[in-house]
Amino acid sequence: MSTFDLSKGRSKQKLRTRQQLLQATRELLDEGKVPSIEAVAEQAGVSRATAYRYFANTEKLVFEAGLDAAWHSLEFDPSKLHPSDVVQRVMHLHAAMWKNGRETEPAFRRFLGSALAEWVETGGKSDSRGGRRLLLIDIALEPVKEVLEYSEYNMLRHSLAGMLGADMLVSLRDICKLDYEEAERTSRWAVMKLLESAIR
């Protein structure tokens, strides 16, 4: 299993390489081919060893490629963000990620199961799940990045990472037994309260 940690070292370069591999997988799938790690590596123009560091098996690669395709269709438009209203910016992101999470829930659950199994098999040394969420959160929080203390900004950023997207949807559905409408209202309330506390 992969033990490559995207959170360390040259993170931007690692994310670009990961995106190359996912794009190559989607291209092969679009051509009606069943992608192997070797075929994906060749399509992406990277070595097989590099590809295996990012994705240890084809199943996880295909699952994440499907989620990545949905991620690229995320209805998050930075041009619609208010230049200074961080609440509007974050809630716009919340709405986009919630819609995306609901539409991709079955695929996300399969991917999450695969990622959790890998975590167990590697003793907690499995690779990062990509880091795309944090990039979007940084865009939404841009007006307060220089206003908040560094530690406060990171606390807010990391808290939002746990509250946005399909992870919270799954938790509210499975643990709290909420329907989709109740889950969305609860999620919105939690994000709003966090923002009120952080930027008061």
N, C-alpha and C. Protein backbone atom coordinates (compact mmCIF):
# COMPACT_ATOMS: atom_id res chain seq x y z
N MET A 1 0.84 -1.20 0.00
CA MET A 1 0.00 0.00 0.00
C MET A 1 0.87 1.25 0.00
N SER A 2 0.31 2.32 -0.50
CA SER A 2 1.06 3.57 -0.58
C SER A 2 1.33 4.15 0.79
N THR A 3 2.55 4.70 0.96
CA THR A 3 2.89 5.39 2.20
C THR A 3 3.38 6.80 1.88
N PHE A 4 2.97 7.32 0.76
CA PHE A 4 3.43 8.63 0.29
C PHE A 4 2.58 9.72 0.92
N ASP A 5 3.21 10.64 1.64
CA ASP A 5 2.49 11.68 2.37
C ASP A 5 2.53 12.99 1.60
N LEU A 6 1.37 13.43 1.11
CA LEU A 6 1.30 14.66 0.33
C LEU A 6 1.41 15.91 1.18
N SER A 7 1.34 15.75 2.49
CA SER A 7 1.37 16.92 3.37
C SER A 7 2.79 17.36 3.69
N LYS A 8 3.77 16.62 3.23
CA LYS A 8 5.16 16.94 3.54
C LYS A 8 5.93 17.24 2.26
N GLY A 9 7.02 17.99 2.42
CA GLY A 9 7.90 18.24 1.29
C GLY A 9 7.30 19.18 0.27
N ARG A 10 7.55 18.92 -1.01
CA ARG A 10 7.12 19.80 -2.09
C ARG A 10 5.65 19.54 -2.41
N SER A 11 4.77 20.04 -1.55
CA SER A 11 3.36 19.68 -1.62
C SER A 11 2.70 20.09 -2.93
N LYS A 12 3.02 21.28 -3.46
CA LYS A 12 2.39 21.72 -4.71
C LYS A 12 2.78 20.82 -5.87
N GLN A 13 4.06 20.45 -5.92
CA GLN A 13 4.51 19.57 -6.99
C GLN A 13 3.85 18.20 -6.86
N LYS A 14 3.71 17.71 -5.63
CA LYS A 14 3.07 16.41 -5.41
C LYS A 14 1.61 16.44 -5.84
N LEU A 15 0.93 17.54 -5.53
CA LEU A 15 -0.46 17.66 -5.94
C LEU A 15 -0.59 17.71 -7.46
N ARG A 16 0.35 18.38 -8.12
CA ARG A 16 0.33 18.42 -9.59
C ARG A 16 0.53 17.02 -10.17
N THR A 17 1.46 16.27 -9.60
CA THR A 17 1.70 14.91 -10.08
C THR A 17 0.47 14.05 -9.86
N ARG A 18 -0.15 14.19 -8.70
CA ARG A 18 -1.37 13.44 -8.41
C ARG A 18 -2.45 13.77 -9.43
N GLN A 19 -2.60 15.06 -9.74
CA GLN A 19 -3.60 15.47 -10.72
C GLN A 19 -3.29 14.90 -12.11
N GLN A 20 -2.01 14.83 -12.47
CA GLN A 20 -1.62 14.23 -13.74
C GLN A 20 -2.07 12.78 -13.81
N LEU A 21 -1.88 12.06 -12.72
CA LEU A 21 -2.26 10.65 -12.69
C LEU A 21 -3.77 10.47 -12.77
N LEU A 22 -4.50 11.32 -12.07
CA LEU A 22 -5.96 11.23 -12.10
C LEU A 22 -6.50 11.60 -13.48
N GLN A 23 -5.91 12.63 -14.09
CA GLN A 23 -6.32 13.03 -15.44
C GLN A 23 -6.05 11.90 -16.43
N ALA A 24 -4.89 11.27 -16.31
CA ALA A 24 -4.55 10.16 -17.20
C ALA A 24 -5.53 9.01 -17.03
N THR A 25 -5.93 8.75 -15.79
CA THR A 25 -6.90 7.68 -15.53
C THR A 25 -8.23 7.99 -16.19
N ARG A 26 -8.70 9.23 -16.07
CA ARG A 26 -9.97 9.62 -16.69
C ARG A 26 -9.88 9.49 -18.21
N GLU A 27 -8.74 9.86 -18.78
CA GLU A 27 -8.58 9.76 -20.24
C GLU A 27 -8.67 8.31 -20.69
N LEU A 28 -8.04 7.41 -19.96
CA LEU A 28 -8.10 5.99 -20.32
C LEU A 28 -9.51 5.44 -20.16
N LEU A 29 -10.19 5.85 -19.09
CA LEU A 29 -11.58 5.41 -18.89
C LEU A 29 -12.48 5.93 -20.01
N ASP A 30 -12.26 7.17 -20.42
CA ASP A 30 -13.06 7.76 -21.51
C ASP A 30 -12.85 7.02 -22.82
N GLU A 31 -11.67 6.40 -22.97
CA GLU A 31 -11.37 5.62 -24.17
C GLU A 31 -11.89 4.19 -24.07
N GLY A 32 -12.55 3.89 -22.96
CA GLY A 32 -13.11 2.56 -22.76
C GLY A 32 -12.10 1.53 -22.29
N LYS A 33 -10.96 1.98 -21.81
CA LYS A 33 -9.92 1.07 -21.35
C LYS A 33 -9.99 0.88 -19.84
N VAL A 34 -9.54 -0.28 -19.37
CA VAL A 34 -9.43 -0.54 -17.94
C VAL A 34 -8.02 -0.16 -17.53
N PRO A 35 -7.86 0.92 -16.78
CA PRO A 35 -6.51 1.43 -16.52
C PRO A 35 -5.76 0.60 -15.48
N SER A 36 -4.54 0.24 -15.81
CA SER A 36 -3.62 -0.34 -14.83
C SER A 36 -2.71 0.78 -14.34
N ILE A 37 -2.02 0.55 -13.24
CA ILE A 37 -1.08 1.55 -12.75
C ILE A 37 -0.02 1.84 -13.80
N GLU A 38 0.43 0.78 -14.48
CA GLU A 38 1.47 0.95 -15.51
C GLU A 38 0.97 1.80 -16.67
N ALA A 39 -0.27 1.53 -17.12
CA ALA A 39 -0.83 2.29 -18.24
C ALA A 39 -1.06 3.75 -17.87
N VAL A 40 -1.50 3.97 -16.64
CA VAL A 40 -1.72 5.34 -16.18
C VAL A 40 -0.40 6.10 -16.10
N ALA A 41 0.63 5.43 -15.59
CA ALA A 41 1.95 6.07 -15.50
C ALA A 41 2.44 6.48 -16.88
N GLU A 42 2.30 5.58 -17.86
CA GLU A 42 2.74 5.90 -19.22
C GLU A 42 1.93 7.06 -19.80
N GLN A 43 0.61 7.03 -19.59
CA GLN A 43 -0.25 8.10 -20.09
C GLN A 43 0.09 9.45 -19.46
N ALA A 44 0.45 9.43 -18.18
CA ALA A 44 0.76 10.66 -17.45
C ALA A 44 2.19 11.14 -17.66
N GLY A 45 3.02 10.27 -18.21
CA GLY A 45 4.41 10.65 -18.44
C GLY A 45 5.26 10.62 -17.19
N VAL A 46 4.93 9.71 -16.27
CA VAL A 46 5.73 9.56 -15.05
C VAL A 46 6.17 8.10 -14.95
N SER A 47 7.12 7.84 -14.08
CA SER A 47 7.60 6.47 -13.91
C SER A 47 6.58 5.63 -13.17
N ARG A 48 6.65 4.33 -13.37
CA ARG A 48 5.75 3.42 -12.64
C ARG A 48 5.99 3.51 -11.14
N ALA A 49 7.25 3.67 -10.74
CA ALA A 49 7.56 3.78 -9.31
C ALA A 49 6.87 4.99 -8.71
N THR A 50 6.88 6.10 -9.45
CA THR A 50 6.20 7.31 -8.96
C THR A 50 4.71 7.06 -8.83
N ALA A 51 4.11 6.45 -9.85
CA ALA A 51 2.67 6.19 -9.81
C ALA A 51 2.30 5.31 -8.62
N TYR A 52 3.11 4.30 -8.34
CA TYR A 52 2.82 3.41 -7.22
C TYR A 52 2.98 4.11 -5.88
N ARG A 53 3.80 5.14 -5.81
CA ARG A 53 3.92 5.89 -4.55
C ARG A 53 2.64 6.65 -4.24
N TYR A 54 1.93 7.05 -5.28
CA TYR A 54 0.69 7.80 -5.09
C TYR A 54 -0.52 6.89 -4.94
N PHE A 55 -0.56 5.83 -5.74
CA PHE A 55 -1.71 4.92 -5.74
C PHE A 55 -1.20 3.49 -5.78
N ALA A 56 -1.43 2.77 -4.68
CA ALA A 56 -0.88 1.42 -4.58
C ALA A 56 -1.71 0.39 -5.34
N ASN A 57 -2.97 0.71 -5.65
CA ASN A 57 -3.79 -0.25 -6.37
C ASN A 57 -4.73 0.47 -7.33
N THR A 58 -5.15 -0.27 -8.35
CA THR A 58 -6.00 0.30 -9.39
C THR A 58 -7.36 0.70 -8.86
N GLU A 59 -7.90 -0.08 -7.92
CA GLU A 59 -9.23 0.19 -7.39
C GLU A 59 -9.31 1.60 -6.80
N LYS A 60 -8.35 1.93 -5.95
CA LYS A 60 -8.37 3.25 -5.33
C LYS A 60 -8.16 4.35 -6.37
N LEU A 61 -7.31 4.09 -7.33
CA LEU A 61 -7.04 5.07 -8.38
C LEU A 61 -8.30 5.37 -9.18
N VAL A 62 -9.04 4.33 -9.55
CA VAL A 62 -10.27 4.53 -10.34
C VAL A 62 -11.33 5.23 -9.51
N PHE A 63 -11.47 4.83 -8.24
CA PHE A 63 -12.44 5.50 -7.36
C PHE A 63 -12.14 7.00 -7.27
N GLU A 64 -10.87 7.32 -7.01
CA GLU A 64 -10.55 8.73 -6.82
C GLU A 64 -10.64 9.50 -8.14
N ALA A 65 -10.36 8.85 -9.24
CA ALA A 65 -10.49 9.53 -10.53
C ALA A 65 -11.94 9.93 -10.77
N GLY A 66 -12.87 9.06 -10.37
CA GLY A 66 -14.29 9.40 -10.49
C GLY A 66 -14.66 10.57 -9.62
N LEU A 67 -14.17 10.56 -8.39
CA LEU A 67 -14.44 11.69 -7.48
C LEU A 67 -13.78 12.96 -7.99
N ASP A 68 -12.60 12.82 -8.56
CA ASP A 68 -11.89 13.98 -9.07
C ASP A 68 -12.65 14.62 -10.22
N ALA A 69 -13.26 13.78 -11.07
CA ALA A 69 -14.06 14.31 -12.17
C ALA A 69 -15.24 15.11 -11.63
N ALA A 70 -15.87 14.58 -10.58
CA ALA A 70 -16.98 15.31 -9.95
C ALA A 70 -16.48 16.58 -9.29
N TRP A 71 -15.29 16.52 -8.72
CA TRP A 71 -14.72 17.70 -8.06
C TRP A 71 -14.52 18.83 -9.07
N HIS A 72 -14.11 18.48 -10.27
CA HIS A 72 -13.88 19.51 -11.30
C HIS A 72 -15.18 20.13 -11.78
N SER A 73 -16.31 19.45 -11.51
CA SER A 73 -17.60 20.03 -11.87
C SER A 73 -18.23 20.78 -10.70
N LEU A 74 -17.47 20.94 -9.62
CA LEU A 74 -17.96 21.64 -8.44
C LEU A 74 -18.43 23.05 -8.82
N GLU A 75 -19.62 23.40 -8.35
CA GLU A 75 -20.20 24.70 -8.70
C GLU A 75 -19.72 25.79 -7.75
N PHE A 76 -18.41 25.96 -7.71
CA PHE A 76 -17.79 26.99 -6.89
C PHE A 76 -17.12 27.99 -7.81
N ASP A 77 -17.66 29.19 -7.86
CA ASP A 77 -17.18 30.21 -8.79
C ASP A 77 -16.59 31.38 -8.00
N PRO A 78 -15.26 31.48 -7.94
CA PRO A 78 -14.64 32.58 -7.19
C PRO A 78 -15.09 33.96 -7.64
N SER A 79 -15.52 34.09 -8.90
CA SER A 79 -15.96 35.40 -9.38
C SER A 79 -17.25 35.86 -8.71
N LYS A 80 -17.97 34.92 -8.09
CA LYS A 80 -19.22 35.26 -7.41
C LYS A 80 -19.00 35.57 -5.93
N LEU A 81 -17.75 35.54 -5.50
CA LEU A 81 -17.46 35.78 -4.09
C LEU A 81 -17.37 37.27 -3.81
N HIS A 82 -17.96 37.67 -2.69
CA HIS A 82 -17.85 39.06 -2.26
C HIS A 82 -16.39 39.33 -1.90
N PRO A 83 -15.86 40.50 -2.25
CA PRO A 83 -14.43 40.75 -1.99
C PRO A 83 -14.05 40.77 -0.52
N SER A 84 -15.00 41.08 0.37
CA SER A 84 -14.64 41.19 1.79
C SER A 84 -15.55 40.42 2.74
N ASP A 85 -16.69 39.95 2.27
CA ASP A 85 -17.66 39.26 3.14
C ASP A 85 -17.28 37.78 3.25
N VAL A 86 -16.53 37.44 4.28
CA VAL A 86 -16.02 36.07 4.40
C VAL A 86 -17.15 35.08 4.66
N VAL A 87 -18.21 35.51 5.33
CA VAL A 87 -19.35 34.61 5.58
C VAL A 87 -19.99 34.22 4.24
N GLN A 88 -20.23 35.19 3.38
CA GLN A 88 -20.80 34.89 2.07
C GLN A 88 -19.89 33.95 1.29
N ARG A 89 -18.60 34.19 1.35
CA ARG A 89 -17.64 33.39 0.60
C ARG A 89 -17.64 31.94 1.08
N VAL A 90 -17.60 31.76 2.40
CA VAL A 90 -17.56 30.40 2.94
C VAL A 90 -18.89 29.68 2.71
N MET A 91 -20.00 30.38 2.85
CA MET A 91 -21.29 29.73 2.65
C MET A 91 -21.52 29.38 1.18
N HIS A 92 -20.95 30.16 0.28
CA HIS A 92 -20.99 29.81 -1.14
C HIS A 92 -20.23 28.50 -1.37
N LEU A 93 -19.08 28.38 -0.75
CA LEU A 93 -18.30 27.14 -0.84
C LEU A 93 -19.05 25.99 -0.19
N HIS A 94 -19.65 26.24 0.97
CA HIS A 94 -20.42 25.20 1.65
C HIS A 94 -21.52 24.66 0.74
N ALA A 95 -22.28 25.55 0.11
CA ALA A 95 -23.38 25.12 -0.75
C ALA A 95 -22.87 24.27 -1.91
N ALA A 96 -21.76 24.69 -2.51
CA ALA A 96 -21.21 23.95 -3.64
C ALA A 96 -20.71 22.57 -3.22
N MET A 97 -20.02 22.51 -2.08
CA MET A 97 -19.47 21.24 -1.63
C MET A 97 -20.56 20.31 -1.12
N TRP A 98 -21.60 20.86 -0.51
CA TRP A 98 -22.70 20.01 -0.04
C TRP A 98 -23.41 19.37 -1.23
N LYS A 99 -23.70 20.16 -2.25
CA LYS A 99 -24.35 19.64 -3.46
C LYS A 99 -23.49 18.57 -4.11
N ASN A 100 -22.21 18.84 -4.21
CA ASN A 100 -21.29 17.87 -4.79
C ASN A 100 -21.23 16.60 -3.96
N GLY A 101 -21.20 16.76 -2.62
CA GLY A 101 -21.14 15.60 -1.74
C GLY A 101 -22.36 14.72 -1.86
N ARG A 102 -23.52 15.34 -1.97
CA ARG A 102 -24.75 14.55 -2.09
C ARG A 102 -24.80 13.82 -3.43
N GLU A 103 -24.36 14.49 -4.49
CA GLU A 103 -24.41 13.88 -5.82
C GLU A 103 -23.40 12.74 -5.97
N THR A 104 -22.32 12.79 -5.22
CA THR A 104 -21.27 11.76 -5.34
C THR A 104 -21.19 10.86 -4.11
N GLU A 105 -22.23 10.86 -3.29
CA GLU A 105 -22.18 10.12 -2.03
C GLU A 105 -21.81 8.64 -2.19
N PRO A 106 -22.46 7.88 -3.11
CA PRO A 106 -22.09 6.47 -3.23
C PRO A 106 -20.61 6.27 -3.58
N ALA A 107 -20.12 7.06 -4.55
CA ALA A 107 -18.71 6.93 -4.93
C ALA A 107 -17.80 7.34 -3.79
N PHE A 108 -18.19 8.39 -3.07
CA PHE A 108 -17.37 8.84 -1.94
C PHE A 108 -17.30 7.77 -0.86
N ARG A 109 -18.43 7.11 -0.58
CA ARG A 109 -18.43 6.06 0.44
C ARG A 109 -17.50 4.91 0.04
N ARG A 110 -17.50 4.54 -1.24
CA ARG A 110 -16.59 3.47 -1.68
C ARG A 110 -15.15 3.91 -1.53
N PHE A 111 -14.87 5.14 -1.94
CA PHE A 111 -13.50 5.66 -1.81
C PHE A 111 -13.08 5.74 -0.35
N LEU A 112 -13.98 6.22 0.51
CA LEU A 112 -13.66 6.34 1.93
C LEU A 112 -13.37 4.97 2.54
N GLY A 113 -14.16 3.97 2.15
CA GLY A 113 -13.91 2.62 2.64
C GLY A 113 -12.54 2.12 2.23
N SER A 114 -12.16 2.39 0.98
CA SER A 114 -10.85 1.99 0.50
C SER A 114 -9.74 2.73 1.24
N ALA A 115 -9.93 4.04 1.46
CA ALA A 115 -8.92 4.83 2.16
C ALA A 115 -8.75 4.39 3.60
N LEU A 116 -9.86 4.07 4.27
CA LEU A 116 -9.79 3.62 5.66
C LEU A 116 -9.13 2.25 5.76
N ALA A 117 -9.43 1.37 4.80
CA ALA A 117 -8.79 0.06 4.80
C ALA A 117 -7.28 0.20 4.61
N GLU A 118 -6.88 1.12 3.74
CA GLU A 118 -5.45 1.35 3.52
C GLU A 118 -4.79 1.89 4.78
N TRP A 119 -5.49 2.77 5.49
CA TRP A 119 -4.95 3.33 6.74
C TRP A 119 -4.67 2.21 7.74
N VAL A 120 -5.58 1.26 7.85
CA VAL A 120 -5.39 0.14 8.78
C VAL A 120 -4.22 -0.72 8.33
N GLU A 121 -4.16 -1.03 7.04
CA GLU A 121 -3.12 -1.92 6.52
C GLU A 121 -1.73 -1.31 6.62
N THR A 122 -1.63 0.00 6.58
CA THR A 122 -0.32 0.65 6.63
C THR A 122 0.02 1.16 8.03
N GLY A 123 -0.82 0.86 9.00
CA GLY A 123 -0.57 1.33 10.35
C GLY A 123 -0.65 2.84 10.49
N GLY A 124 -1.58 3.44 9.74
CA GLY A 124 -1.77 4.88 9.82
C GLY A 124 -0.84 5.68 8.94
N LYS A 125 -0.15 5.03 8.01
CA LYS A 125 0.82 5.73 7.17
C LYS A 125 0.34 5.87 5.73
N SER A 126 -0.95 5.78 5.52
CA SER A 126 -1.47 5.91 4.17
C SER A 126 -1.34 7.34 3.68
N ASP A 127 -1.47 7.52 2.37
CA ASP A 127 -1.25 8.84 1.79
C ASP A 127 -2.40 9.79 2.08
N SER A 128 -2.13 11.08 1.90
CA SER A 128 -3.14 12.12 2.07
C SER A 128 -4.24 11.93 1.05
N ARG A 129 -5.44 12.47 1.36
CA ARG A 129 -6.56 12.35 0.44
C ARG A 129 -6.60 13.47 -0.58
N GLY A 130 -5.51 14.17 -0.78
CA GLY A 130 -5.46 15.08 -1.92
C GLY A 130 -5.26 16.54 -1.63
N GLY A 131 -5.88 17.08 -0.62
CA GLY A 131 -5.64 18.47 -0.25
C GLY A 131 -6.41 19.52 -1.02
N ARG A 132 -7.33 19.10 -1.92
CA ARG A 132 -8.05 20.07 -2.74
C ARG A 132 -8.97 20.94 -1.89
N ARG A 133 -9.55 20.34 -0.86
CA ARG A 133 -10.48 21.08 -0.01
C ARG A 133 -9.81 22.29 0.64
N LEU A 134 -8.60 22.11 1.12
CA LEU A 134 -7.90 23.21 1.79
C LEU A 134 -7.60 24.35 0.83
N LEU A 135 -7.33 24.03 -0.42
CA LEU A 135 -7.07 25.08 -1.41
C LEU A 135 -8.29 25.96 -1.59
N LEU A 136 -9.48 25.35 -1.65
CA LEU A 136 -10.71 26.13 -1.81
C LEU A 136 -11.04 26.91 -0.55
N ILE A 137 -10.78 26.32 0.60
CA ILE A 137 -11.03 27.03 1.86
C ILE A 137 -10.14 28.27 1.94
N ASP A 138 -8.90 28.15 1.51
CA ASP A 138 -8.01 29.31 1.51
C ASP A 138 -8.54 30.43 0.62
N ILE A 139 -9.14 30.06 -0.51
CA ILE A 139 -9.73 31.08 -1.39
C ILE A 139 -10.89 31.77 -0.67
N ALA A 140 -11.75 30.98 -0.03
CA ALA A 140 -12.91 31.55 0.65
C ALA A 140 -12.50 32.44 1.83
N LEU A 141 -11.43 32.07 2.51
CA LEU A 141 -11.00 32.81 3.70
C LEU A 141 -10.02 33.94 3.40
N GLU A 142 -9.74 34.17 2.16
CA GLU A 142 -8.71 35.15 1.79
C GLU A 142 -8.86 36.51 2.48
N PRO A 143 -10.09 37.06 2.66
CA PRO A 143 -10.21 38.38 3.30
C PRO A 143 -9.72 38.44 4.74
N VAL A 144 -9.68 37.30 5.43
CA VAL A 144 -9.27 37.33 6.84
C VAL A 144 -7.90 36.71 7.07
N LYS A 145 -7.24 36.31 6.01
CA LYS A 145 -5.95 35.63 6.18
C LYS A 145 -4.93 36.52 6.86
N GLU A 146 -4.93 37.81 6.53
CA GLU A 146 -3.97 38.74 7.12
C GLU A 146 -4.53 39.44 8.35
N VAL A 147 -5.78 39.16 8.68
CA VAL A 147 -6.42 39.79 9.83
C VAL A 147 -6.28 38.94 11.08
N LEU A 148 -6.51 37.64 10.92
CA LEU A 148 -6.42 36.72 12.05
C LEU A 148 -4.97 36.38 12.37
N GLU A 149 -4.73 36.05 13.62
CA GLU A 149 -3.43 35.51 14.00
C GLU A 149 -3.20 34.20 13.23
N TYR A 150 -1.94 33.91 12.96
CA TYR A 150 -1.61 32.71 12.18
C TYR A 150 -2.25 31.46 12.78
N SER A 151 -2.15 31.30 14.09
CA SER A 151 -2.71 30.12 14.75
C SER A 151 -4.23 30.10 14.66
N GLU A 152 -4.86 31.26 14.77
CA GLU A 152 -6.32 31.34 14.68
C GLU A 152 -6.79 31.02 13.26
N TYR A 153 -6.06 31.53 12.28
CA TYR A 153 -6.42 31.26 10.89
C TYR A 153 -6.37 29.76 10.61
N ASN A 154 -5.30 29.12 11.06
CA ASN A 154 -5.17 27.68 10.82
C ASN A 154 -6.23 26.88 11.57
N MET A 155 -6.59 27.31 12.78
CA MET A 155 -7.66 26.62 13.50
C MET A 155 -8.97 26.72 12.73
N LEU A 156 -9.27 27.91 12.21
CA LEU A 156 -10.49 28.10 11.42
C LEU A 156 -10.44 27.27 10.15
N ARG A 157 -9.34 27.33 9.46
CA ARG A 157 -9.14 26.59 8.21
C ARG A 157 -9.32 25.09 8.41
N HIS A 158 -8.69 24.57 9.44
CA HIS A 158 -8.76 23.14 9.69
C HIS A 158 -10.14 22.72 10.19
N SER A 159 -10.78 23.57 10.98
CA SER A 159 -12.13 23.26 11.44
C SER A 159 -13.09 23.19 10.26
N LEU A 160 -12.97 24.12 9.34
CA LEU A 160 -13.83 24.11 8.15
C LEU A 160 -13.58 22.87 7.30
N ALA A 161 -12.34 22.42 7.24
CA ALA A 161 -12.03 21.22 6.46
C ALA A 161 -12.80 20.01 6.98
N GLY A 162 -13.06 19.99 8.28
CA GLY A 162 -13.83 18.89 8.85
C GLY A 162 -15.32 19.07 8.75
N MET A 163 -15.76 20.26 8.35
CA MET A 163 -17.19 20.57 8.34
C MET A 163 -17.77 20.71 6.94
N LEU A 164 -16.93 20.77 5.94
CA LEU A 164 -17.40 20.94 4.57
C LEU A 164 -17.26 19.64 3.80
N GLY A 165 -18.21 19.37 2.93
CA GLY A 165 -18.09 18.24 2.05
C GLY A 165 -18.77 16.97 2.51
N ALA A 166 -18.46 15.89 1.82
CA ALA A 166 -19.17 14.63 2.00
C ALA A 166 -18.89 13.98 3.34
N ASP A 167 -17.76 14.27 3.97
CA ASP A 167 -17.45 13.66 5.27
C ASP A 167 -18.53 13.99 6.29
N MET A 168 -18.90 15.26 6.37
CA MET A 168 -19.92 15.66 7.34
C MET A 168 -21.28 15.12 6.95
N LEU A 169 -21.56 15.07 5.67
CA LEU A 169 -22.81 14.48 5.19
C LEU A 169 -22.94 13.04 5.67
N VAL A 170 -21.89 12.26 5.50
CA VAL A 170 -21.91 10.86 5.92
C VAL A 170 -22.09 10.75 7.43
N SER A 171 -21.39 11.58 8.19
CA SER A 171 -21.50 11.54 9.66
C SER A 171 -22.92 11.87 10.12
N LEU A 172 -23.49 12.94 9.57
CA LEU A 172 -24.83 13.34 9.99
C LEU A 172 -25.89 12.33 9.57
N ARG A 173 -25.70 11.71 8.42
CA ARG A 173 -26.65 10.69 7.96
C ARG A 173 -26.52 9.41 8.77
N ASP A 174 -25.29 8.94 8.99
CA ASP A 174 -25.09 7.63 9.61
C ASP A 174 -25.17 7.68 11.12
N ILE A 175 -24.56 8.67 11.74
CA ILE A 175 -24.50 8.73 13.20
C ILE A 175 -25.74 9.38 13.78
N CYS A 176 -26.16 10.50 13.19
CA CYS A 176 -27.31 11.24 13.73
C CYS A 176 -28.63 10.82 13.10
N LYS A 177 -28.58 10.01 12.04
CA LYS A 177 -29.78 9.51 11.37
C LYS A 177 -30.65 10.63 10.82
N LEU A 178 -30.02 11.70 10.32
CA LEU A 178 -30.76 12.82 9.77
C LEU A 178 -31.06 12.58 8.29
N ASP A 179 -32.19 13.13 7.83
CA ASP A 179 -32.43 13.10 6.39
C ASP A 179 -31.57 14.19 5.75
N TYR A 180 -31.59 14.25 4.42
CA TYR A 180 -30.69 15.17 3.74
C TYR A 180 -30.96 16.63 4.09
N GLU A 181 -32.23 16.98 4.19
CA GLU A 181 -32.58 18.38 4.49
C GLU A 181 -32.14 18.76 5.90
N GLU A 182 -32.40 17.88 6.87
CA GLU A 182 -31.97 18.14 8.25
C GLU A 182 -30.45 18.21 8.34
N ALA A 183 -29.80 17.32 7.63
CA ALA A 183 -28.33 17.30 7.66
C ALA A 183 -27.75 18.59 7.08
N GLU A 184 -28.34 19.07 6.00
CA GLU A 184 -27.83 20.31 5.41
C GLU A 184 -28.06 21.50 6.33
N ARG A 185 -29.24 21.58 6.96
CA ARG A 185 -29.51 22.67 7.89
C ARG A 185 -28.53 22.64 9.06
N THR A 186 -28.27 21.45 9.57
CA THR A 186 -27.35 21.30 10.69
C THR A 186 -25.94 21.71 10.30
N SER A 187 -25.53 21.29 9.12
CA SER A 187 -24.19 21.63 8.64
C SER A 187 -24.04 23.14 8.46
N ARG A 188 -25.04 23.76 7.86
CA ARG A 188 -25.00 25.22 7.66
C ARG A 188 -24.93 25.94 9.00
N TRP A 189 -25.73 25.49 9.96
CA TRP A 189 -25.75 26.11 11.29
C TRP A 189 -24.37 26.02 11.94
N ALA A 190 -23.76 24.85 11.86
CA ALA A 190 -22.45 24.64 12.49
C ALA A 190 -21.39 25.54 11.86
N VAL A 191 -21.40 25.64 10.54
CA VAL A 191 -20.42 26.49 9.85
C VAL A 191 -20.64 27.95 10.20
N MET A 192 -21.90 28.38 10.24
CA MET A 192 -22.20 29.77 10.59
C MET A 192 -21.73 30.10 12.00
N LYS A 193 -22.00 29.21 12.95
CA LYS A 193 -21.59 29.45 14.34
C LYS A 193 -20.07 29.51 14.45
N LEU A 194 -19.39 28.66 13.72
CA LEU A 194 -17.93 28.69 13.72
C LEU A 194 -17.42 30.03 13.20
N LEU A 195 -17.99 30.49 12.10
CA LEU A 195 -17.56 31.76 11.53
C LEU A 195 -17.85 32.93 12.47
N GLU A 196 -19.02 32.91 13.09
CA GLU A 196 -19.37 33.97 14.04
C GLU A 196 -18.37 34.04 15.18
N SER A 197 -17.95 32.88 15.64
CA SER A 197 -17.00 32.82 16.75
C SER A 197 -15.60 33.26 16.32
N ALA A 198 -15.22 32.87 15.12
CA ALA A 198 -13.84 33.11 14.67
C ALA A 198 -13.60 34.55 14.22
N ILE A 199 -14.63 35.18 13.64
CA ILE A 199 -14.40 36.51 13.05
C ILE A 199 -15.22 37.59 13.74
N ARG A 200 -15.63 37.33 14.96
CA ARG A 200 -16.45 38.29 15.72
C ARG A 200 -15.70 39.61 15.92
